[in-house]
Amino acid sequence: MAGTLKNEWERYSRQMLFSPIGRKGQEYLLKSRVAIIGLGALGSRSF
């Protein structure tokens, strides 16, 4: 677990130092999820 926290700190340190995001905002982003819907025709050729 400690290694994971260190890796996260290294990866997101600039965002955590950026005052509008901060540590609390970064924790919120880490817990967030995204759903991508409707990409079935992406790259399909239309006639």
PDB file of N, CA and C in Angstrom:
ATOM      1  N   MET A   1       0.824  -1.201   0.000  1.00  0.00           N
ATOM      2  CA  MET A   1       0.000   0.000   0.000  1.00  0.00           C
ATOM      3  C   MET A   1       0.860   1.253   0.000  1.00  0.00           C
ATOM      4  N   ALA A   2       1.927   1.254   0.743  1.00  0.00           N
ATOM      5  CA  ALA A   2       2.780   2.442   0.810  1.00  0.00           C
ATOM      6  C   ALA A   2       3.405   2.753  -0.543  1.00  0.00           C
ATOM      7  N   GLY A   3       3.762   1.714  -1.295  1.00  0.00           N
ATOM      8  CA  GLY A   3       4.322   1.920  -2.626  1.00  0.00           C
ATOM      9  C   GLY A   3       3.316   2.563  -3.557  1.00  0.00           C
ATOM     10  N   THR A   4       2.051   2.167  -3.426  1.00  0.00           N
ATOM     11  CA  THR A   4       0.993   2.736  -4.251  1.00  0.00           C
ATOM     12  C   THR A   4       0.821   4.217  -3.950  1.00  0.00           C
ATOM     13  N   LEU A   5       0.806   4.575  -2.682  1.00  0.00           N
ATOM     14  CA  LEU A   5       0.657   5.981  -2.313  1.00  0.00           C
ATOM     15  C   LEU A   5       1.824   6.806  -2.825  1.00  0.00           C
ATOM     16  N   LYS A   6       3.030   6.245  -2.776  1.00  0.00           N
ATOM     17  CA  LYS A   6       4.197   6.961  -3.283  1.00  0.00           C
ATOM     18  C   LYS A   6       4.073   7.161  -4.789  1.00  0.00           C
ATOM     19  N   ASN A   7       3.635   6.130  -5.509  1.00  0.00           N
ATOM     20  CA  ASN A   7       3.463   6.251  -6.951  1.00  0.00           C
ATOM     21  C   ASN A   7       2.401   7.287  -7.296  1.00  0.00           C
ATOM     22  N   GLU A   8       1.308   7.301  -6.542  1.00  0.00           N
ATOM     23  CA  GLU A   8       0.260   8.295  -6.776  1.00  0.00           C
ATOM     24  C   GLU A   8       0.783   9.697  -6.506  1.00  0.00           C
ATOM     25  N   TRP A   9       1.550   9.867  -5.442  1.00  0.00           N
ATOM     26  CA  TRP A   9       2.110  11.186  -5.137  1.00  0.00           C
ATOM     27  C   TRP A   9       3.005  11.653  -6.275  1.00  0.00           C
ATOM     28  N   GLU A  10       3.862  10.768  -6.782  1.00  0.00           N
ATOM     29  CA  GLU A  10       4.750  11.129  -7.881  1.00  0.00           C
ATOM     30  C   GLU A  10       3.955  11.484  -9.134  1.00  0.00           C
ATOM     31  N   ARG A  11       2.914  10.731  -9.407  1.00  0.00           N
ATOM     32  CA  ARG A  11       2.129  10.935 -10.620  1.00  0.00           C
ATOM     33  C   ARG A  11       1.286  12.212 -10.564  1.00  0.00           C
ATOM     34  N   TYR A  12       0.672  12.483  -9.414  1.00  0.00           N
ATOM     35  CA  TYR A  12      -0.278  13.593  -9.304  1.00  0.00           C
ATOM     36  C   TYR A  12       0.231  14.767  -8.480  1.00  0.00           C
ATOM     37  N   SER A  13       1.498  14.837  -8.186  1.00  0.00           N
ATOM     38  CA  SER A  13       2.017  15.859  -7.282  1.00  0.00           C
ATOM     39  C   SER A  13       1.774  17.279  -7.793  1.00  0.00           C
ATOM     40  N   ARG A  14       1.902  17.493  -9.076  1.00  0.00           N
ATOM     41  CA  ARG A  14       1.680  18.860  -9.598  1.00  0.00           C
ATOM     42  C   ARG A  14       0.230  19.282  -9.456  1.00  0.00           C
ATOM     43  N   GLN A  15      -0.695  18.350  -9.659  1.00  0.00           N
ATOM     44  CA  GLN A  15      -2.104  18.682  -9.478  1.00  0.00           C
ATOM     45  C   GLN A  15      -2.412  18.963  -8.020  1.00  0.00           C
ATOM     46  N   MET A  16      -1.797  18.215  -7.112  1.00  0.00           N
ATOM     47  CA  MET A  16      -2.055  18.426  -5.689  1.00  0.00           C
ATOM     48  C   MET A  16      -1.453  19.743  -5.219  1.00  0.00           C
ATOM     49  N   LEU A  17      -0.377  20.179  -5.825  1.00  0.00           N
ATOM     50  CA  LEU A  17       0.232  21.461  -5.448  1.00  0.00           C
ATOM     51  C   LEU A  17      -0.520  22.639  -6.044  1.00  0.00           C
ATOM     52  N   PHE A  18      -1.317  22.408  -7.088  1.00  0.00           N
ATOM     53  CA  PHE A  18      -2.114  23.445  -7.736  1.00  0.00           C
ATOM     54  C   PHE A  18      -3.309  23.742  -6.835  1.00  0.00           C
ATOM     55  N   SER A  19      -3.352  24.942  -6.253  1.00  0.00           N
ATOM     56  CA  SER A  19      -4.320  25.255  -5.187  1.00  0.00           C
ATOM     57  C   SER A  19      -5.793  25.042  -5.558  1.00  0.00           C
ATOM     58  N   PRO A  20      -6.267  25.303  -6.779  1.00  0.00           N
ATOM     59  CA  PRO A  20      -7.687  25.024  -7.059  1.00  0.00           C
ATOM     60  C   PRO A  20      -8.049  23.538  -6.970  1.00  0.00           C
ATOM     61  N   ILE A  21      -7.087  22.636  -7.180  1.00  0.00           N
ATOM     62  CA  ILE A  21      -7.361  21.203  -7.067  1.00  0.00           C
ATOM     63  C   ILE A  21      -6.989  20.726  -5.674  1.00  0.00           C
ATOM     64  N   GLY A  22      -5.739  20.854  -5.314  1.00  0.00           N
ATOM     65  CA  GLY A  22      -5.269  20.448  -3.997  1.00  0.00           C
ATOM     66  C   GLY A  22      -5.404  18.960  -3.742  1.00  0.00           C
ATOM     67  N   ARG A  23      -5.048  18.559  -2.554  1.00  0.00           N
ATOM     68  CA  ARG A  23      -5.098  17.135  -2.188  1.00  0.00           C
ATOM     69  C   ARG A  23      -6.535  16.621  -2.133  1.00  0.00           C
ATOM     70  N   LYS A  24      -7.428  17.435  -1.586  1.00  0.00           N
ATOM     71  CA  LYS A  24      -8.822  17.024  -1.465  1.00  0.00           C
ATOM     72  C   LYS A  24      -9.461  16.831  -2.843  1.00  0.00           C
ATOM     73  N   GLY A  25      -9.190  17.736  -3.756  1.00  0.00           N
ATOM     74  CA  GLY A  25      -9.714  17.612  -5.116  1.00  0.00           C
ATOM     75  C   GLY A  25      -9.139  16.414  -5.843  1.00  0.00           C
ATOM     76  N   GLN A  26      -7.867  16.124  -5.614  1.00  0.00           N
ATOM     77  CA  GLN A  26      -7.239  14.965  -6.248  1.00  0.00           C
ATOM     78  C   GLN A  26      -7.843  13.674  -5.717  1.00  0.00           C
ATOM     79  N   GLU A  27      -8.136  13.609  -4.424  1.00  0.00           N
ATOM     80  CA  GLU A  27      -8.789  12.434  -3.856  1.00  0.00           C
ATOM     81  C   GLU A  27     -10.168  12.242  -4.487  1.00  0.00           C
ATOM     82  N   TYR A  28     -10.881  13.327  -4.716  1.00  0.00           N
ATOM     83  CA  TYR A  28     -12.190  13.264  -5.374  1.00  0.00           C
ATOM     84  C   TYR A  28     -12.038  12.716  -6.795  1.00  0.00           C
ATOM     85  N   LEU A  29     -11.032  13.203  -7.531  1.00  0.00           N
ATOM     86  CA  LEU A  29     -10.809  12.728  -8.896  1.00  0.00           C
ATOM     87  C   LEU A  29     -10.439  11.250  -8.938  1.00  0.00           C
ATOM     88  N   LEU A  30      -9.641  10.791  -7.972  1.00  0.00           N
ATOM     89  CA  LEU A  30      -9.245   9.388  -7.926  1.00  0.00           C
ATOM     90  C   LEU A  30     -10.441   8.466  -7.679  1.00  0.00           C
ATOM     91  N   LYS A  31     -11.439   8.954  -6.960  1.00  0.00           N
ATOM     92  CA  LYS A  31     -12.616   8.148  -6.663  1.00  0.00           C
ATOM     93  C   LYS A  31     -13.665   8.231  -7.772  1.00  0.00           C
ATOM     94  N   SER A  32     -13.501   9.127  -8.731  1.00  0.00           N
ATOM     95  CA  SER A  32     -14.484   9.339  -9.787  1.00  0.00           C
ATOM     96  C   SER A  32     -14.444   8.231 -10.829  1.00  0.00           C
ATOM     97  N   ARG A  33     -15.541   8.088 -11.537  1.00  0.00           N
ATOM     98  CA  ARG A  33     -15.661   7.135 -12.628  1.00  0.00           C
ATOM     99  C   ARG A  33     -16.214   7.862 -13.858  1.00  0.00           C
ATOM    100  N   VAL A  34     -15.883   7.348 -15.035  1.00  0.00           N
ATOM    101  CA  VAL A  34     -16.357   7.935 -16.285  1.00  0.00           C
ATOM    102  C   VAL A  34     -16.994   6.837 -17.121  1.00  0.00           C
ATOM    103  N   ALA A  35     -18.116   7.136 -17.752  1.00  0.00           N
ATOM    104  CA  ALA A  35     -18.772   6.196 -18.658  1.00  0.00           C
ATOM    105  C   ALA A  35     -18.756   6.799 -20.059  1.00  0.00           C
ATOM    106  N   ILE A  36     -18.269   6.020 -21.019  1.00  0.00           N
ATOM    107  CA  ILE A  36     -18.256   6.454 -22.417  1.00  0.00           C
ATOM    108  C   ILE A  36     -19.301   5.628 -23.149  1.00  0.00           C
ATOM    109  N   ILE A  37     -20.277   6.321 -23.726  1.00  0.00           N
ATOM    110  CA  ILE A  37     -21.410   5.649 -24.354  1.00  0.00           C
ATOM    111  C   ILE A  37     -21.546   6.121 -25.800  1.00  0.00           C
ATOM    112  N   GLY A  38     -21.836   5.203 -26.697  1.00  0.00           N
ATOM    113  CA  GLY A  38     -22.175   5.568 -28.067  1.00  0.00           C
ATOM    114  C   GLY A  38     -21.013   5.637 -29.022  1.00  0.00           C
ATOM    115  N   LEU A  39     -20.015   4.802 -28.874  1.00  0.00           N
ATOM    116  CA  LEU A  39     -18.886   4.805 -29.790  1.00  0.00           C
ATOM    117  C   LEU A  39     -18.957   3.670 -30.813  1.00  0.00           C
ATOM    118  N   GLY A  40     -20.127   3.063 -30.989  1.00  0.00           N
ATOM    119  CA  GLY A  40     -20.267   1.921 -31.878  1.00  0.00           C
ATOM    120  C   GLY A  40     -19.913   2.213 -33.326  1.00  0.00           C
ATOM    121  N   ALA A  41     -20.180   3.418 -33.803  1.00  0.00           N
ATOM    122  CA  ALA A  41     -19.944   3.751 -35.201  1.00  0.00           C
ATOM    123  C   ALA A  41     -18.661   4.542 -35.408  1.00  0.00           C
ATOM    124  N   LEU A  42     -17.880   4.679 -34.399  1.00  0.00           N
ATOM    125  CA  LEU A  42     -16.651   5.432 -34.510  1.00  0.00           C
ATOM    126  C   LEU A  42     -15.702   4.732 -35.473  1.00  0.00           C
ATOM    127  N   GLY A  43     -15.274   5.445 -36.472  1.00  0.00           N
ATOM    128  CA  GLY A  43     -14.374   4.877 -37.470  1.00  0.00           C
ATOM    129  C   GLY A  43     -15.094   4.167 -38.592  1.00  0.00           C
ATOM    130  N   SER A  44     -16.419   4.110 -38.538  1.00  0.00           N
ATOM    131  CA  SER A  44     -17.190   3.473 -39.606  1.00  0.00           C
ATOM    132  C   SER A  44     -17.287   4.407 -40.803  1.00  0.00           C
ATOM    133  N   ARG A  45     -17.222   3.827 -41.942  1.00  0.00           N
ATOM    134  CA  ARG A  45     -17.323   4.599 -43.178  1.00  0.00           C
ATOM    135  C   ARG A  45     -18.796   4.765 -43.546  1.00  0.00           C
ATOM    136  N   SER A  46     -19.197   5.975 -43.849  1.00  0.00           N
ATOM    137  CA  SER A  46     -20.592   6.199 -44.262  1.00  0.00           C
ATOM    138  C   SER A  46     -20.625   6.463 -45.766  1.00  0.00           C
ATOM    139  N   PHE A  47     -21.666   5.974 -46.383  1.00  0.00           N
ATOM    140  CA  PHE A  47     -21.810   6.122 -47.847  1.00  0.00           C
ATOM    141  C   PHE A  47     -22.842   7.138 -48.191  1.00  0.00           C
TER     142      PHE A  47
END
